[in-house]
Every structure is written in C-alpha cells, then in structure tokens.
Amino acid sequence: MTAQEYVQLKAFARIDGAKLSLLWMASFALYIIGLSTPAYGLAALVLAVLTPFFVGSCLRHFRDDGLEGSISLMRGWAYTIYVFFYGSLLFALAQWAYLTYMDQGYLMKAIGLMLTAPETAESLRQMGLTETLDESIQMLGQMRPIDLSLNMLTSNILMGIVLGLPIAAVLQKRSEKR
C-alpha cells in the first residue's frame, strides 16, 4: 500500500467511524431510555447488533467507490479496524460527556436496581453468587465516568479487531486480470 492509498484508507475510515459512532450513540441513548421503557431497550439491542452489517456496508462503499471494486483481505481488515477505532474514540467521548454532565448517577442506580431486584437476587443466591453481586455493585459505584468510557473504548476497539477479519474476508474482492 502506497502512502497515498494509506491516506485514502484513513480518510474514508474517519468518515465512516464518525457514522459508526452516531449509530452507537443512538443505541446508547435508547439503552438509557430503555432502562425505564423496555421497548426502547430492544431497539438499542437491534442497533448494537447491526454494527457489523453497518461496517460491512461502509467497507463495500469504500471498496466500490474508493478502490474501484477491488480490495484485499488485509486492506479491508485495516479499514474496518480504523473504522472501529475512530468510531470508538468519538463514542467514548460522547459517553464520557453524558456520564459526567447529564447522567447524575442514573445509569448506576438503574443497574443497581436491576441487580438487586428480588427475582435477580434470588437466582443469584441459588447460584451462590450473592457475594459476587455485592462486590460488583460496590465496584460499579466506585467507577468514574472516565473509567466506564475507557472500558467501553477498549471493548469496542477489540471488537473491531475481532469482527473486522470476517467482515473483510466476506467483502474482499480481487480485480480481474486481463
């Protein structure tokens, strides 16, 4: 890959990473709303599951429009990793801003209420996980917004590395030799 091709790859990936972050932000917003209205939680799950298909669509666009219909496995994988990287950075920033300035502890309280609900507590007690639950709730309460955002950033980048390979494998296309 030449320097110009690398610049082109990163430019397309930055734009598509910004679009991916918008998808994740919508999913996160629906998740927050879904903590009190379950139908929105289902919509959040659907948007999250659409992530690999969205990135695949972006890769297809890059392959067909940016590279005239031909892309190797490694270039496709690099592109998807960059898309996930840029999307993860923007999403982590938005998530941090929400948790720092808008949330005021709502998310942690809602998760704590879910974990301490009688049916959840009983099933965890039967499995012998009551101590683990108490430790988890205490640990969640001590996490700062930056900790949660960095955790999500790392998870999303790792997800991009893992999901990027099959996405690139499915969409790779060699140019026909004449």
N, C-alpha and C. Protein backbone atom coordinates (compact mmCIF):
# COMPACT_ATOMS: atom_id res chain seq x y z
N MET A 1 0.85 -1.17 0.00
CA MET A 1 0.00 0.00 0.00
C MET A 1 0.90 1.24 0.00
N THR A 2 0.62 2.11 -0.92
CA THR A 2 1.41 3.34 -1.01
C THR A 2 0.94 4.33 0.05
N ALA A 3 1.72 5.38 0.21
CA ALA A 3 1.36 6.41 1.18
C ALA A 3 0.03 7.06 0.83
N GLN A 4 -0.19 7.30 -0.45
CA GLN A 4 -1.46 7.91 -0.89
C GLN A 4 -2.63 6.99 -0.61
N GLU A 5 -2.47 5.70 -0.84
CA GLU A 5 -3.53 4.74 -0.57
C GLU A 5 -3.83 4.66 0.93
N TYR A 6 -2.80 4.76 1.75
CA TYR A 6 -2.97 4.75 3.20
C TYR A 6 -3.73 5.98 3.68
N VAL A 7 -3.41 7.14 3.11
CA VAL A 7 -4.12 8.38 3.44
C VAL A 7 -5.59 8.25 3.05
N GLN A 8 -5.85 7.68 1.87
CA GLN A 8 -7.22 7.49 1.41
C GLN A 8 -7.98 6.54 2.33
N LEU A 9 -7.35 5.44 2.73
CA LEU A 9 -7.97 4.47 3.63
C LEU A 9 -8.37 5.14 4.95
N LYS A 10 -7.45 5.92 5.52
CA LYS A 10 -7.74 6.57 6.80
C LYS A 10 -8.81 7.65 6.65
N ALA A 11 -8.84 8.34 5.52
CA ALA A 11 -9.85 9.38 5.32
C ALA A 11 -11.25 8.77 5.25
N PHE A 12 -11.41 7.70 4.47
CA PHE A 12 -12.70 7.02 4.41
C PHE A 12 -13.06 6.44 5.78
N ALA A 13 -12.08 5.89 6.48
CA ALA A 13 -12.33 5.28 7.79
C ALA A 13 -12.76 6.32 8.82
N ARG A 14 -12.19 7.51 8.76
CA ARG A 14 -12.58 8.57 9.71
C ARG A 14 -14.05 8.95 9.51
N ILE A 15 -14.45 9.12 8.27
CA ILE A 15 -15.83 9.49 7.98
C ILE A 15 -16.78 8.38 8.42
N ASP A 16 -16.45 7.14 8.07
CA ASP A 16 -17.31 6.03 8.43
C ASP A 16 -17.26 5.73 9.93
N GLY A 17 -16.14 6.01 10.57
CA GLY A 17 -16.05 5.88 12.02
C GLY A 17 -16.96 6.88 12.72
N ALA A 18 -17.06 8.09 12.17
CA ALA A 18 -17.98 9.09 12.73
C ALA A 18 -19.42 8.61 12.59
N LYS A 19 -19.75 8.01 11.45
CA LYS A 19 -21.10 7.47 11.26
C LYS A 19 -21.36 6.32 12.23
N LEU A 20 -20.36 5.45 12.44
CA LEU A 20 -20.50 4.35 13.38
C LEU A 20 -20.72 4.87 14.79
N SER A 21 -20.02 5.93 15.16
CA SER A 21 -20.21 6.49 16.50
C SER A 21 -21.63 7.02 16.66
N LEU A 22 -22.21 7.57 15.62
CA LEU A 22 -23.60 8.04 15.69
C LEU A 22 -24.56 6.86 15.91
N LEU A 23 -24.29 5.76 15.24
CA LEU A 23 -25.09 4.55 15.44
C LEU A 23 -25.00 4.09 16.90
N TRP A 24 -23.78 4.06 17.44
CA TRP A 24 -23.58 3.64 18.83
C TRP A 24 -24.19 4.64 19.80
N MET A 25 -24.10 5.93 19.50
CA MET A 25 -24.71 6.93 20.38
C MET A 25 -26.22 6.74 20.42
N ALA A 26 -26.82 6.48 19.28
CA ALA A 26 -28.27 6.23 19.24
C ALA A 26 -28.61 4.99 20.05
N SER A 27 -27.82 3.95 19.90
CA SER A 27 -28.04 2.72 20.66
C SER A 27 -27.90 2.97 22.16
N PHE A 28 -26.89 3.74 22.56
CA PHE A 28 -26.68 4.05 23.97
C PHE A 28 -27.83 4.89 24.52
N ALA A 29 -28.28 5.87 23.75
CA ALA A 29 -29.40 6.70 24.19
C ALA A 29 -30.66 5.85 24.36
N LEU A 30 -30.90 4.95 23.42
CA LEU A 30 -32.06 4.07 23.54
C LEU A 30 -31.91 3.11 24.72
N TYR A 31 -30.69 2.69 25.01
CA TYR A 31 -30.45 1.84 26.18
C TYR A 31 -30.79 2.59 27.46
N ILE A 32 -30.35 3.83 27.56
CA ILE A 32 -30.64 4.63 28.76
C ILE A 32 -32.14 4.81 28.92
N ILE A 33 -32.82 5.15 27.83
CA ILE A 33 -34.28 5.29 27.87
C ILE A 33 -34.92 3.94 28.17
N GLY A 34 -34.34 2.88 27.63
CA GLY A 34 -34.87 1.53 27.82
C GLY A 34 -34.78 1.01 29.24
N LEU A 35 -34.00 1.66 30.08
CA LEU A 35 -33.94 1.24 31.48
C LEU A 35 -35.29 1.46 32.17
N SER A 36 -36.07 2.41 31.66
CA SER A 36 -37.40 2.64 32.23
C SER A 36 -38.52 2.21 31.28
N THR A 37 -38.23 2.08 29.99
CA THR A 37 -39.21 1.64 28.99
C THR A 37 -38.59 0.53 28.16
N PRO A 38 -38.93 -0.74 28.44
CA PRO A 38 -38.24 -1.88 27.81
C PRO A 38 -38.25 -1.92 26.29
N ALA A 39 -39.26 -1.37 25.64
CA ALA A 39 -39.29 -1.39 24.17
C ALA A 39 -38.08 -0.66 23.58
N TYR A 40 -37.68 0.42 24.22
CA TYR A 40 -36.51 1.16 23.73
C TYR A 40 -35.23 0.35 23.95
N GLY A 41 -35.21 -0.45 25.00
CA GLY A 41 -34.06 -1.32 25.24
C GLY A 41 -33.89 -2.32 24.12
N LEU A 42 -35.01 -2.84 23.60
CA LEU A 42 -34.96 -3.76 22.47
C LEU A 42 -34.43 -3.06 21.22
N ALA A 43 -34.86 -1.83 21.01
CA ALA A 43 -34.36 -1.05 19.87
C ALA A 43 -32.86 -0.80 20.01
N ALA A 44 -32.39 -0.57 21.23
CA ALA A 44 -30.96 -0.37 21.46
C ALA A 44 -30.18 -1.64 21.11
N LEU A 45 -30.73 -2.78 21.47
CA LEU A 45 -30.09 -4.06 21.15
C LEU A 45 -30.03 -4.28 19.64
N VAL A 46 -31.10 -3.96 18.96
CA VAL A 46 -31.13 -4.11 17.49
C VAL A 46 -30.06 -3.24 16.84
N LEU A 47 -29.94 -1.99 17.28
CA LEU A 47 -28.92 -1.11 16.71
C LEU A 47 -27.51 -1.64 17.00
N ALA A 48 -27.30 -2.17 18.18
CA ALA A 48 -25.98 -2.71 18.51
C ALA A 48 -25.65 -3.93 17.65
N VAL A 49 -26.64 -4.77 17.40
CA VAL A 49 -26.42 -5.97 16.58
C VAL A 49 -26.18 -5.59 15.12
N LEU A 50 -26.67 -4.46 14.69
CA LEU A 50 -26.47 -4.00 13.31
C LEU A 50 -25.05 -3.52 13.04
N THR A 51 -24.23 -3.37 14.07
CA THR A 51 -22.88 -2.83 13.92
C THR A 51 -22.06 -3.52 12.84
N PRO A 52 -21.91 -4.87 12.85
CA PRO A 52 -21.07 -5.47 11.80
C PRO A 52 -21.64 -5.30 10.39
N PHE A 53 -22.96 -5.26 10.29
CA PHE A 53 -23.58 -5.07 8.97
C PHE A 53 -23.36 -3.64 8.48
N PHE A 54 -23.42 -2.69 9.40
CA PHE A 54 -23.16 -1.29 9.04
C PHE A 54 -21.72 -1.12 8.58
N VAL A 55 -20.78 -1.70 9.34
CA VAL A 55 -19.36 -1.59 8.96
C VAL A 55 -19.11 -2.30 7.64
N GLY A 56 -19.78 -3.44 7.43
CA GLY A 56 -19.67 -4.13 6.15
C GLY A 56 -20.17 -3.27 5.00
N SER A 57 -21.25 -2.55 5.22
CA SER A 57 -21.78 -1.65 4.20
C SER A 57 -20.78 -0.53 3.91
N CYS A 58 -20.16 -0.02 4.95
CA CYS A 58 -19.14 1.02 4.77
C CYS A 58 -17.95 0.49 3.99
N LEU A 59 -17.53 -0.74 4.31
CA LEU A 59 -16.41 -1.35 3.60
C LEU A 59 -16.76 -1.57 2.13
N ARG A 60 -17.98 -2.01 1.86
CA ARG A 60 -18.41 -2.20 0.47
C ARG A 60 -18.36 -0.87 -0.28
N HIS A 61 -18.82 0.20 0.35
CA HIS A 61 -18.78 1.53 -0.27
C HIS A 61 -17.34 1.94 -0.55
N PHE A 62 -16.45 1.73 0.41
CA PHE A 62 -15.04 2.08 0.23
C PHE A 62 -14.44 1.27 -0.91
N ARG A 63 -14.75 -0.03 -0.93
CA ARG A 63 -14.22 -0.90 -1.98
C ARG A 63 -14.71 -0.47 -3.36
N ASP A 64 -16.01 -0.25 -3.49
CA ASP A 64 -16.59 0.03 -4.80
C ASP A 64 -16.33 1.46 -5.28
N ASP A 65 -16.41 2.43 -4.37
CA ASP A 65 -16.26 3.83 -4.78
C ASP A 65 -14.82 4.35 -4.65
N GLY A 66 -14.16 3.96 -3.58
CA GLY A 66 -12.81 4.46 -3.35
C GLY A 66 -11.73 3.66 -4.04
N LEU A 67 -11.97 2.36 -4.20
CA LEU A 67 -10.94 1.49 -4.78
C LEU A 67 -11.35 0.84 -6.09
N GLU A 68 -12.40 1.33 -6.69
CA GLU A 68 -12.87 0.85 -7.99
C GLU A 68 -13.17 -0.64 -8.00
N GLY A 69 -13.74 -1.15 -6.89
CA GLY A 69 -14.25 -2.51 -6.86
C GLY A 69 -13.28 -3.60 -6.43
N SER A 70 -12.10 -3.26 -5.98
CA SER A 70 -11.13 -4.28 -5.62
C SER A 70 -10.49 -3.94 -4.27
N ILE A 71 -10.48 -4.95 -3.37
CA ILE A 71 -9.83 -4.75 -2.07
C ILE A 71 -9.30 -6.09 -1.57
N SER A 72 -8.12 -6.07 -1.00
CA SER A 72 -7.53 -7.28 -0.45
C SER A 72 -8.05 -7.51 0.96
N LEU A 73 -7.83 -8.70 1.46
CA LEU A 73 -8.25 -9.04 2.82
C LEU A 73 -7.58 -8.13 3.84
N MET A 74 -6.28 -7.94 3.72
CA MET A 74 -5.55 -7.15 4.71
C MET A 74 -5.94 -5.67 4.67
N ARG A 75 -6.15 -5.13 3.49
CA ARG A 75 -6.57 -3.73 3.40
C ARG A 75 -7.98 -3.57 3.95
N GLY A 76 -8.85 -4.52 3.66
CA GLY A 76 -10.21 -4.49 4.21
C GLY A 76 -10.20 -4.60 5.73
N TRP A 77 -9.33 -5.45 6.26
CA TRP A 77 -9.24 -5.61 7.70
C TRP A 77 -8.69 -4.32 8.34
N ALA A 78 -7.68 -3.73 7.73
CA ALA A 78 -7.12 -2.48 8.23
C ALA A 78 -8.20 -1.39 8.24
N TYR A 79 -8.96 -1.34 7.17
CA TYR A 79 -10.03 -0.34 7.07
C TYR A 79 -11.05 -0.53 8.20
N THR A 80 -11.51 -1.76 8.41
CA THR A 80 -12.51 -2.00 9.46
C THR A 80 -11.95 -1.69 10.85
N ILE A 81 -10.69 -2.01 11.08
CA ILE A 81 -10.07 -1.69 12.37
C ILE A 81 -10.05 -0.18 12.57
N TYR A 82 -9.68 0.56 11.55
CA TYR A 82 -9.68 2.02 11.66
C TYR A 82 -11.09 2.57 11.87
N VAL A 83 -12.09 2.01 11.19
CA VAL A 83 -13.46 2.47 11.38
C VAL A 83 -13.88 2.26 12.83
N PHE A 84 -13.60 1.08 13.37
CA PHE A 84 -13.94 0.82 14.76
C PHE A 84 -13.14 1.72 15.70
N PHE A 85 -11.88 1.96 15.39
CA PHE A 85 -11.04 2.82 16.23
C PHE A 85 -11.60 4.23 16.30
N TYR A 86 -11.84 4.84 15.13
CA TYR A 86 -12.34 6.21 15.11
C TYR A 86 -13.75 6.30 15.72
N GLY A 87 -14.59 5.32 15.41
CA GLY A 87 -15.93 5.30 15.99
C GLY A 87 -15.88 5.15 17.50
N SER A 88 -14.97 4.31 17.99
CA SER A 88 -14.83 4.09 19.43
C SER A 88 -14.36 5.35 20.14
N LEU A 89 -13.42 6.07 19.54
CA LEU A 89 -12.94 7.32 20.15
C LEU A 89 -14.07 8.33 20.31
N LEU A 90 -14.83 8.54 19.25
CA LEU A 90 -15.92 9.51 19.31
C LEU A 90 -17.02 9.06 20.26
N PHE A 91 -17.34 7.77 20.23
CA PHE A 91 -18.38 7.26 21.13
C PHE A 91 -17.94 7.36 22.59
N ALA A 92 -16.69 7.04 22.88
CA ALA A 92 -16.19 7.14 24.26
C ALA A 92 -16.25 8.59 24.74
N LEU A 93 -15.93 9.52 23.87
CA LEU A 93 -16.00 10.93 24.24
C LEU A 93 -17.44 11.34 24.54
N ALA A 94 -18.37 10.92 23.69
CA ALA A 94 -19.78 11.25 23.91
C ALA A 94 -20.31 10.57 25.17
N GLN A 95 -19.92 9.34 25.38
CA GLN A 95 -20.36 8.62 26.58
C GLN A 95 -19.80 9.28 27.84
N TRP A 96 -18.55 9.68 27.80
CA TRP A 96 -17.96 10.37 28.94
C TRP A 96 -18.71 11.67 29.23
N ALA A 97 -19.00 12.43 28.18
CA ALA A 97 -19.71 13.70 28.36
C ALA A 97 -21.09 13.45 28.97
N TYR A 98 -21.79 12.43 28.49
CA TYR A 98 -23.10 12.12 29.06
C TYR A 98 -22.97 11.74 30.53
N LEU A 99 -22.07 10.83 30.84
CA LEU A 99 -21.93 10.35 32.21
C LEU A 99 -21.44 11.45 33.15
N THR A 100 -20.62 12.34 32.66
CA THR A 100 -20.07 13.41 33.50
C THR A 100 -21.06 14.54 33.74
N TYR A 101 -21.75 14.98 32.69
CA TYR A 101 -22.55 16.18 32.79
C TYR A 101 -24.06 15.97 32.82
N MET A 102 -24.56 14.85 32.37
CA MET A 102 -26.00 14.68 32.25
C MET A 102 -26.59 13.56 33.11
N ASP A 103 -25.87 12.51 33.32
CA ASP A 103 -26.41 11.30 33.95
C ASP A 103 -26.76 11.47 35.42
N GLN A 104 -25.89 12.09 36.18
CA GLN A 104 -26.07 12.31 37.61
C GLN A 104 -26.37 11.02 38.38
N GLY A 105 -25.72 9.92 37.98
CA GLY A 105 -25.84 8.65 38.69
C GLY A 105 -27.01 7.79 38.28
N TYR A 106 -27.81 8.22 37.30
CA TYR A 106 -29.00 7.47 36.89
C TYR A 106 -28.65 6.07 36.39
N LEU A 107 -27.64 5.95 35.55
CA LEU A 107 -27.28 4.66 34.97
C LEU A 107 -26.86 3.68 36.06
N MET A 108 -26.01 4.10 36.96
CA MET A 108 -25.54 3.20 38.02
C MET A 108 -26.67 2.81 38.97
N LYS A 109 -27.56 3.74 39.26
CA LYS A 109 -28.71 3.43 40.11
C LYS A 109 -29.62 2.41 39.43
N ALA A 110 -29.86 2.58 38.14
CA ALA A 110 -30.73 1.67 37.40
C ALA A 110 -30.12 0.27 37.34
N ILE A 111 -28.82 0.19 37.09
CA ILE A 111 -28.15 -1.11 37.05
C ILE A 111 -28.19 -1.75 38.43
N GLY A 112 -27.95 -0.95 39.46
CA GLY A 112 -28.03 -1.47 40.83
C GLY A 112 -29.41 -1.99 41.16
N LEU A 113 -30.45 -1.27 40.74
CA LEU A 113 -31.83 -1.73 40.98
C LEU A 113 -32.12 -3.03 40.25
N MET A 114 -31.60 -3.16 39.02
CA MET A 114 -31.81 -4.41 38.28
C MET A 114 -31.12 -5.58 38.98
N LEU A 115 -29.92 -5.35 39.47
CA LEU A 115 -29.17 -6.43 40.10
C LEU A 115 -29.72 -6.79 41.47
N THR A 116 -30.38 -5.86 42.14
CA THR A 116 -30.93 -6.15 43.46
C THR A 116 -32.42 -6.47 43.43
N ALA A 117 -33.00 -6.55 42.25
CA ALA A 117 -34.41 -6.93 42.14
C ALA A 117 -34.60 -8.30 42.79
N PRO A 118 -35.76 -8.54 43.43
CA PRO A 118 -35.96 -9.81 44.14
C PRO A 118 -35.71 -11.05 43.29
N GLU A 119 -36.19 -11.06 42.05
CA GLU A 119 -36.01 -12.25 41.22
C GLU A 119 -34.54 -12.46 40.85
N THR A 120 -33.83 -11.37 40.58
CA THR A 120 -32.41 -11.48 40.27
C THR A 120 -31.62 -11.90 41.51
N ALA A 121 -31.92 -11.28 42.64
CA ALA A 121 -31.22 -11.62 43.89
C ALA A 121 -31.44 -13.07 44.26
N GLU A 122 -32.66 -13.57 44.08
CA GLU A 122 -32.95 -14.97 44.42
C GLU A 122 -32.20 -15.93 43.51
N SER A 123 -32.20 -15.66 42.22
CA SER A 123 -31.50 -16.57 41.30
C SER A 123 -29.99 -16.54 41.56
N LEU A 124 -29.45 -15.37 41.87
CA LEU A 124 -28.02 -15.27 42.19
C LEU A 124 -27.70 -15.97 43.51
N ARG A 125 -28.64 -15.89 44.48
CA ARG A 125 -28.45 -16.57 45.75
C ARG A 125 -28.41 -18.08 45.54
N GLN A 126 -29.29 -18.60 44.68
CA GLN A 126 -29.34 -20.03 44.40
C GLN A 126 -28.07 -20.50 43.71
N MET A 127 -27.45 -19.62 42.94
CA MET A 127 -26.20 -19.98 42.26
C MET A 127 -24.99 -19.71 43.15
N GLY A 128 -25.21 -19.14 44.31
CA GLY A 128 -24.11 -18.85 45.23
C GLY A 128 -23.28 -17.64 44.82
N LEU A 129 -23.90 -16.71 44.16
CA LEU A 129 -23.18 -15.54 43.66
C LEU A 129 -23.54 -14.25 44.41
N THR A 130 -24.11 -14.37 45.59
CA THR A 130 -24.52 -13.18 46.34
C THR A 130 -23.33 -12.29 46.66
N GLU A 131 -22.24 -12.90 47.09
CA GLU A 131 -21.03 -12.11 47.40
C GLU A 131 -20.50 -11.41 46.15
N THR A 132 -20.49 -12.13 45.07
CA THR A 132 -20.02 -11.55 43.80
C THR A 132 -20.89 -10.37 43.40
N LEU A 133 -22.20 -10.50 43.57
CA LEU A 133 -23.13 -9.43 43.25
C LEU A 133 -22.83 -8.20 44.11
N ASP A 134 -22.66 -8.40 45.40
CA ASP A 134 -22.37 -7.27 46.28
C ASP A 134 -21.07 -6.57 45.89
N GLU A 135 -20.05 -7.35 45.57
CA GLU A 135 -18.77 -6.77 45.15
C GLU A 135 -18.92 -6.01 43.84
N SER A 136 -19.70 -6.58 42.92
CA SER A 136 -19.89 -5.93 41.62
C SER A 136 -20.62 -4.60 41.76
N ILE A 137 -21.65 -4.58 42.59
CA ILE A 137 -22.40 -3.34 42.80
C ILE A 137 -21.50 -2.29 43.44
N GLN A 138 -20.69 -2.72 44.41
CA GLN A 138 -19.78 -1.78 45.07
C GLN A 138 -18.75 -1.25 44.07
N MET A 139 -18.22 -2.13 43.23
CA MET A 139 -17.22 -1.72 42.24
C MET A 139 -17.83 -0.76 41.22
N LEU A 140 -19.05 -1.05 40.76
CA LEU A 140 -19.71 -0.16 39.81
C LEU A 140 -19.92 1.22 40.41
N GLY A 141 -20.28 1.27 41.68
CA GLY A 141 -20.49 2.54 42.33
C GLY A 141 -19.24 3.39 42.45
N GLN A 142 -18.08 2.74 42.47
CA GLN A 142 -16.82 3.45 42.62
C GLN A 142 -16.21 3.90 41.30
N MET A 143 -16.76 3.40 40.18
CA MET A 143 -16.19 3.75 38.88
C MET A 143 -16.55 5.18 38.49
N ARG A 144 -15.57 5.87 37.96
CA ARG A 144 -15.77 7.24 37.48
C ARG A 144 -16.24 7.18 36.02
N PRO A 145 -16.84 8.25 35.53
CA PRO A 145 -17.27 8.26 34.12
C PRO A 145 -16.12 7.96 33.15
N ILE A 146 -14.93 8.46 33.45
CA ILE A 146 -13.80 8.21 32.54
C ILE A 146 -13.44 6.73 32.54
N ASP A 147 -13.57 6.06 33.69
CA ASP A 147 -13.29 4.62 33.76
C ASP A 147 -14.26 3.84 32.89
N LEU A 148 -15.53 4.17 32.99
CA LEU A 148 -16.54 3.49 32.18
C LEU A 148 -16.31 3.74 30.69
N SER A 149 -16.00 4.97 30.34
CA SER A 149 -15.78 5.31 28.93
C SER A 149 -14.54 4.62 28.37
N LEU A 150 -13.47 4.59 29.14
CA LEU A 150 -12.25 3.92 28.67
C LEU A 150 -12.46 2.41 28.55
N ASN A 151 -13.26 1.86 29.45
CA ASN A 151 -13.58 0.44 29.36
C ASN A 151 -14.34 0.15 28.08
N MET A 152 -15.31 0.99 27.76
CA MET A 152 -16.08 0.82 26.53
C MET A 152 -15.21 1.06 25.30
N LEU A 153 -14.31 2.03 25.36
CA LEU A 153 -13.38 2.29 24.26
C LEU A 153 -12.54 1.05 23.96
N THR A 154 -11.97 0.47 24.99
CA THR A 154 -11.14 -0.72 24.81
C THR A 154 -11.96 -1.88 24.25
N SER A 155 -13.14 -2.08 24.80
CA SER A 155 -14.00 -3.17 24.33
C SER A 155 -14.38 -3.01 22.86
N ASN A 156 -14.71 -1.79 22.47
CA ASN A 156 -15.11 -1.55 21.08
C ASN A 156 -13.94 -1.73 20.11
N ILE A 157 -12.77 -1.29 20.50
CA ILE A 157 -11.61 -1.47 19.62
C ILE A 157 -11.29 -2.96 19.47
N LEU A 158 -11.33 -3.71 20.57
CA LEU A 158 -11.09 -5.15 20.49
C LEU A 158 -12.17 -5.84 19.65
N MET A 159 -13.41 -5.39 19.80
CA MET A 159 -14.49 -5.95 18.99
C MET A 159 -14.22 -5.68 17.51
N GLY A 160 -13.69 -4.51 17.20
CA GLY A 160 -13.38 -4.17 15.81
C GLY A 160 -12.28 -5.05 15.24
N ILE A 161 -11.28 -5.36 16.05
CA ILE A 161 -10.20 -6.24 15.58
C ILE A 161 -10.74 -7.63 15.29
N VAL A 162 -11.59 -8.12 16.18
CA VAL A 162 -12.13 -9.47 16.02
C VAL A 162 -13.15 -9.53 14.89
N LEU A 163 -14.10 -8.61 14.86
CA LEU A 163 -15.14 -8.63 13.82
C LEU A 163 -14.63 -8.17 12.46
N GLY A 164 -13.56 -7.40 12.46
CA GLY A 164 -13.04 -6.86 11.21
C GLY A 164 -12.56 -7.93 10.25
N LEU A 165 -11.97 -8.98 10.78
CA LEU A 165 -11.43 -10.03 9.90
C LEU A 165 -12.53 -10.75 9.12
N PRO A 166 -13.59 -11.24 9.76
CA PRO A 166 -14.64 -11.88 8.95
C PRO A 166 -15.36 -10.91 8.02
N ILE A 167 -15.53 -9.67 8.45
CA ILE A 167 -16.17 -8.67 7.57
C ILE A 167 -15.31 -8.46 6.33
N ALA A 168 -14.00 -8.30 6.54
CA ALA A 168 -13.09 -8.10 5.41
C ALA A 168 -13.02 -9.35 4.53
N ALA A 169 -13.07 -10.52 5.15
CA ALA A 169 -13.00 -11.77 4.37
C ALA A 169 -14.21 -11.91 3.45
N VAL A 170 -15.37 -11.55 3.95
CA VAL A 170 -16.59 -11.66 3.16
C VAL A 170 -16.59 -10.65 2.01
N LEU A 171 -16.05 -9.47 2.23
CA LEU A 171 -16.14 -8.40 1.24
C LEU A 171 -14.89 -8.20 0.39
N GLN A 172 -13.86 -9.03 0.60
CA GLN A 172 -12.67 -8.87 -0.23
C GLN A 172 -13.02 -9.21 -1.68
N LYS A 173 -12.33 -8.55 -2.57
CA LYS A 173 -12.60 -8.77 -4.00
C LYS A 173 -11.36 -8.40 -4.77
N ARG A 174 -10.84 -9.32 -5.49
CA ARG A 174 -9.64 -9.09 -6.31
C ARG A 174 -10.06 -8.57 -7.67
N SER A 175 -9.24 -7.71 -8.22
CA SER A 175 -9.52 -7.20 -9.56
C SER A 175 -9.22 -8.30 -10.56
N GLU A 176 -10.03 -8.31 -11.59
CA GLU A 176 -9.83 -9.32 -12.63
C GLU A 176 -8.63 -8.93 -13.49
N LYS A 177 -7.77 -9.92 -13.74
CA LYS A 177 -6.58 -9.65 -14.57
C LYS A 177 -6.94 -9.86 -16.03
N ARG A 178 -6.45 -8.96 -16.83
CA ARG A 178 -6.77 -9.02 -18.27
C ARG A 178 -5.65 -9.65 -19.04
